[in-house]
Amino acid sequence: MLKLYIGNKNYSSWSMRPWVLLKQAGIAFEEIMLRFDAFTPGSQFKTTIGKINPVAKVPVLVDGEQVVWDTLAIVEYLAEQFPEKQLWPTDKAARARARSLCAEMHSGFNALRSACPMNIEASLPDTGALIWRDQPGVRADVARLVSMWQAQLRATGGPMLFGNFSITDAYYAPVCTRLETYALPLPADVQAYVASVCALPGVKAWIDGACAEKDFLDFEEPYRLQAQA
């Protein structure tokens, strides 16, 4: 059986992507969660994952003796291993665009990711309002998301970016949780897409798991002094 090594569900946006893809697509796998105790070279997390992945990061997919790291590599491997699941759009042009959108997420949206780290169990609208007021880079990133998602939803008719659920929706699922956590302003059609993604069984299972962790890590949340009651 496939094994997927992940970090804390509440914080690990990169882990969320392949986990949601596997879960939503109905592909059996074993989850192995490695708690984020710290990211220093001698930490338990780095020591453990470093024995599996040479860059000592999650997620990591293990298929027998095959080890695959980096989220893009993992989703491409899964698409090749399970072609019947149609994880990418079947149309060649749509598939190319879907890959472009995933690559943009993989390398971009740095302002949003930096200012609004993933924190599923939290509700931080006041923090989000200050970020929105003071950080033009975040506003620019959200504007790009809105433009991209609106164009795709209009082109395909929804409910997902390419009609049916695909790798692209799994890739943007952590962004949807960020937008919810910080209550960043969105037009109605984009807010509806965010709600639809968060309601997917695979996404909801991750969210429920994140909320059940009750594992407040202060180094992940410098903007909060303690966990919410």
Protein backbone atom coordinates (compact mmCIF):
# COMPACT_ATOMS: atom_id res chain seq x y z
CA MET A 1 0.00 0.00 0.00
CA LEU A 2 1.09 3.58 -0.64
CA LYS A 3 2.45 5.47 2.35
CA LEU A 4 2.18 9.24 2.64
CA TYR A 5 4.32 11.05 5.19
CA ILE A 6 2.78 14.34 6.29
CA GLY A 7 3.17 17.02 8.94
CA ASN A 8 0.58 18.51 11.28
CA LYS A 9 -2.71 18.83 9.42
CA ASN A 10 -3.41 22.19 10.96
CA TYR A 11 -0.26 23.77 9.54
CA SER A 12 1.13 21.69 6.68
CA SER A 13 -0.33 23.08 3.49
CA TRP A 14 2.01 21.09 1.26
CA SER A 15 1.05 17.84 3.00
CA MET A 16 -2.62 18.65 2.49
CA ARG A 17 -2.42 18.65 -1.30
CA PRO A 18 -1.53 14.99 -2.02
CA TRP A 19 -3.48 13.76 1.02
CA VAL A 20 -6.67 15.42 -0.24
CA LEU A 21 -6.01 14.13 -3.75
CA LEU A 22 -5.64 10.55 -2.55
CA LYS A 23 -8.64 10.74 -0.25
CA GLN A 24 -10.97 12.46 -2.69
CA ALA A 25 -9.97 10.12 -5.53
CA GLY A 26 -10.54 7.04 -3.38
CA ILE A 27 -6.94 5.77 -3.60
CA ALA A 28 -5.97 3.64 -0.62
CA PHE A 29 -2.95 4.81 1.36
CA GLU A 30 -1.42 4.72 4.82
CA GLU A 31 -0.98 8.09 6.52
CA ILE A 32 2.15 8.59 8.61
CA MET A 33 2.07 11.89 10.47
CA LEU A 34 5.33 13.36 11.77
CA ARG A 35 4.70 16.10 14.29
CA PHE A 36 6.36 19.46 13.76
CA ASP A 37 8.43 19.77 16.93
CA ALA A 38 10.89 22.15 15.22
CA PHE A 39 12.62 22.61 11.88
CA THR A 40 16.19 22.73 13.17
CA PRO A 41 18.62 20.07 11.90
CA GLY A 42 18.62 18.13 15.17
CA SER A 43 14.86 18.14 15.73
CA GLN A 44 12.94 14.88 15.90
CA PHE A 45 10.97 15.88 12.81
CA LYS A 46 14.04 16.63 10.69
CA THR A 47 15.88 13.57 11.95
CA THR A 48 12.99 11.22 11.15
CA ILE A 49 11.97 12.59 7.75
CA GLY A 50 15.62 12.99 6.75
CA LYS A 51 15.98 9.21 6.81
CA ILE A 52 13.26 8.96 4.14
CA ASN A 53 13.60 12.13 2.07
CA PRO A 54 17.04 13.67 1.32
CA VAL A 55 15.67 17.21 1.61
CA ALA A 56 14.03 16.40 4.99
CA LYS A 57 10.63 17.86 4.16
CA VAL A 58 7.06 16.59 3.90
CA PRO A 59 5.10 15.37 2.06
CA VAL A 60 6.79 12.17 0.93
CA LEU A 61 5.08 9.35 -0.95
CA VAL A 62 6.50 5.85 -0.62
CA ASP A 63 5.39 3.14 -3.03
CA GLY A 64 7.34 0.01 -2.22
CA GLU A 65 10.96 0.96 -2.80
CA GLN A 66 9.98 4.08 -4.76
CA VAL A 67 10.27 7.33 -2.81
CA VAL A 68 8.73 10.49 -4.29
CA TRP A 69 9.05 13.93 -2.72
CA ASP A 70 7.91 17.41 -3.73
CA THR A 71 4.18 17.83 -4.19
CA LEU A 72 4.27 18.30 -7.96
CA ALA A 73 6.29 15.12 -8.40
CA ILE A 74 3.88 13.24 -6.12
CA VAL A 75 0.72 14.28 -7.97
CA GLU A 76 2.29 13.50 -11.35
CA TYR A 77 3.33 10.07 -10.06
CA LEU A 78 -0.21 9.40 -8.84
CA ALA A 79 -1.69 10.52 -12.17
CA GLU A 80 0.57 8.03 -13.97
CA GLN A 81 -0.08 5.21 -11.53
CA PHE A 82 -3.86 5.65 -11.51
CA PRO A 83 -4.88 6.82 -15.01
CA GLU A 84 -8.41 5.49 -14.47
CA LYS A 85 -8.92 8.15 -11.78
CA GLN A 86 -8.49 10.97 -14.34
CA LEU A 87 -6.69 13.18 -11.86
CA TRP A 88 -5.83 15.65 -14.63
CA PRO A 89 -8.44 16.88 -17.15
CA THR A 90 -8.75 14.52 -20.12
CA ASP A 91 -8.62 17.31 -22.72
CA LYS A 92 -5.04 18.11 -23.73
CA ALA A 93 -5.45 21.91 -23.69
CA ALA A 94 -7.29 21.83 -20.36
CA ARG A 95 -4.62 19.54 -18.94
CA ALA A 96 -1.87 21.96 -19.97
CA ARG A 97 -3.72 24.85 -18.34
CA ALA A 98 -4.34 22.80 -15.19
CA ARG A 99 -0.63 22.07 -14.94
CA SER A 100 0.15 25.77 -15.43
CA LEU A 101 -2.19 26.72 -12.59
CA CYS A 102 -0.59 24.17 -10.28
CA ALA A 103 2.91 25.35 -11.20
CA GLU A 104 1.87 28.94 -10.48
CA MET A 105 0.67 27.89 -7.03
CA HIS A 106 3.84 25.91 -6.45
CA SER A 107 6.13 28.87 -7.07
CA GLY A 108 3.95 31.92 -6.50
CA PHE A 109 1.53 33.68 -4.16
CA ASN A 110 4.40 34.31 -1.76
CA ALA A 111 2.85 37.35 -0.11
CA LEU A 112 -0.34 35.48 0.74
CA ARG A 113 1.52 32.41 1.96
CA SER A 114 3.89 34.47 4.11
CA ALA A 115 1.34 36.81 5.65
CA CYS A 116 -1.44 34.24 6.05
CA PRO A 117 0.12 30.91 7.05
CA MET A 118 -2.26 27.96 7.02
CA ASN A 119 -4.00 27.54 10.36
CA ILE A 120 -7.23 25.63 9.87
CA GLU A 121 -8.52 25.52 13.42
CA ALA A 122 -8.15 29.27 13.94
CA SER A 123 -10.55 32.08 13.10
CA LEU A 124 -8.54 35.26 12.54
CA PRO A 125 -10.74 37.84 10.81
CA ASP A 126 -9.24 40.76 12.74
CA THR A 127 -5.73 39.70 11.75
CA GLY A 128 -6.96 39.25 8.18
CA ALA A 129 -8.44 42.75 8.14
CA LEU A 130 -5.11 44.28 9.17
CA ILE A 131 -3.22 42.20 6.62
CA TRP A 132 -5.67 43.26 3.91
CA ARG A 133 -5.31 46.92 4.87
CA ASP A 134 -1.53 46.98 5.16
CA GLN A 135 -0.15 44.49 2.65
CA PRO A 136 -0.66 45.29 -1.04
CA GLY A 137 1.13 42.06 -2.01
CA VAL A 138 -1.62 40.05 -0.34
CA ARG A 139 -4.29 42.05 -2.13
CA ALA A 140 -2.49 41.45 -5.43
CA ASP A 141 -2.25 37.71 -4.79
CA VAL A 142 -5.94 37.48 -3.95
CA ALA A 143 -6.82 39.52 -7.04
CA ARG A 144 -4.88 37.00 -9.15
CA LEU A 145 -6.72 34.10 -7.50
CA VAL A 146 -10.07 35.77 -8.12
CA SER A 147 -9.27 36.44 -11.78
CA MET A 148 -7.94 32.92 -12.35
CA TRP A 149 -10.78 31.14 -10.60
CA GLN A 150 -13.50 33.25 -12.17
CA ALA A 151 -12.12 32.61 -15.65
CA GLN A 152 -11.95 28.86 -15.06
CA LEU A 153 -15.38 28.60 -13.48
CA ARG A 154 -16.93 30.55 -16.34
CA ALA A 155 -15.14 28.41 -18.92
CA THR A 156 -16.12 25.06 -17.40
CA GLY A 157 -19.36 25.84 -15.61
CA GLY A 158 -17.95 24.54 -12.33
CA PRO A 159 -18.37 23.43 -9.68
CA MET A 160 -14.62 22.75 -9.65
CA LEU A 161 -12.00 24.61 -11.69
CA PHE A 162 -12.07 22.07 -14.52
CA GLY A 163 -15.65 20.87 -14.05
CA ASN A 164 -14.96 17.74 -12.02
CA PHE A 165 -12.52 17.50 -9.12
CA SER A 166 -8.90 17.36 -10.28
CA ILE A 167 -5.35 17.86 -9.05
CA THR A 168 -5.82 21.60 -9.48
CA ASP A 169 -8.57 21.77 -6.86
CA ALA A 170 -6.46 19.71 -4.45
CA TYR A 171 -3.58 22.10 -5.09
CA TYR A 172 -5.64 25.15 -4.19
CA ALA A 173 -7.48 23.57 -1.24
CA PRO A 174 -4.99 24.96 1.33
CA VAL A 175 -5.45 28.42 -0.17
CA CYS A 176 -9.19 28.07 0.34
CA THR A 177 -8.63 27.34 4.03
CA ARG A 178 -6.38 30.40 4.33
CA LEU A 179 -9.05 32.61 2.79
CA GLU A 180 -11.55 31.22 5.31
CA THR A 181 -9.25 31.53 8.34
CA TYR A 182 -8.41 35.19 7.67
CA ALA A 183 -11.82 36.09 6.18
CA LEU A 184 -10.26 37.88 3.23
CA PRO A 185 -12.84 39.62 1.02
CA LEU A 186 -13.98 37.68 -2.05
CA PRO A 187 -16.71 38.12 -4.68
CA ALA A 188 -19.72 35.85 -4.27
CA ASP A 189 -18.84 33.39 -7.04
CA VAL A 190 -15.31 32.87 -5.71
CA GLN A 191 -16.60 32.53 -2.15
CA ALA A 192 -18.96 29.84 -3.44
CA TYR A 193 -16.04 27.97 -5.01
CA VAL A 194 -14.10 28.16 -1.73
CA ALA A 195 -17.12 26.76 0.12
CA SER A 196 -17.51 23.97 -2.44
CA VAL A 197 -13.86 22.96 -2.09
CA CYS A 198 -14.03 22.96 1.71
CA ALA A 199 -17.17 20.80 1.55
CA LEU A 200 -15.52 18.07 -0.56
CA PRO A 201 -15.35 14.87 1.53
CA GLY A 202 -11.58 14.63 1.12
CA VAL A 203 -11.05 18.26 2.15
CA LYS A 204 -13.54 18.07 5.00
CA ALA A 205 -11.77 14.96 6.32
CA TRP A 206 -8.47 16.90 6.42
CA ILE A 207 -10.14 19.91 8.08
CA ASP A 208 -11.78 17.70 10.70
CA GLY A 209 -8.42 16.05 11.38
CA ALA A 210 -6.71 19.43 11.72
CA CYS A 211 -9.30 20.65 14.21
CA ALA A 212 -8.99 17.45 16.22
CA GLU A 213 -5.21 17.77 16.66
CA LYS A 214 -5.35 20.39 19.43
CA ASP A 215 -1.62 20.86 18.96
CA PHE A 216 -0.74 24.53 19.28
CA LEU A 217 2.79 25.23 18.03
CA ASP A 218 3.92 28.70 19.03
CA PHE A 219 6.73 28.79 16.44
CA GLU A 220 4.09 28.30 13.74
CA GLU A 221 1.91 31.09 15.12
CA PRO A 222 3.99 34.12 16.16
CA TYR A 223 0.83 36.22 15.83
CA ARG A 224 -0.95 34.31 18.65
CA LEU A 225 0.26 33.87 22.23
CA GLN A 226 -1.90 30.84 22.94
CA ALA A 227 -4.39 28.48 21.36
CA GLN A 228 -8.00 29.56 21.13
CA ALA A 229 -10.33 28.14 23.76
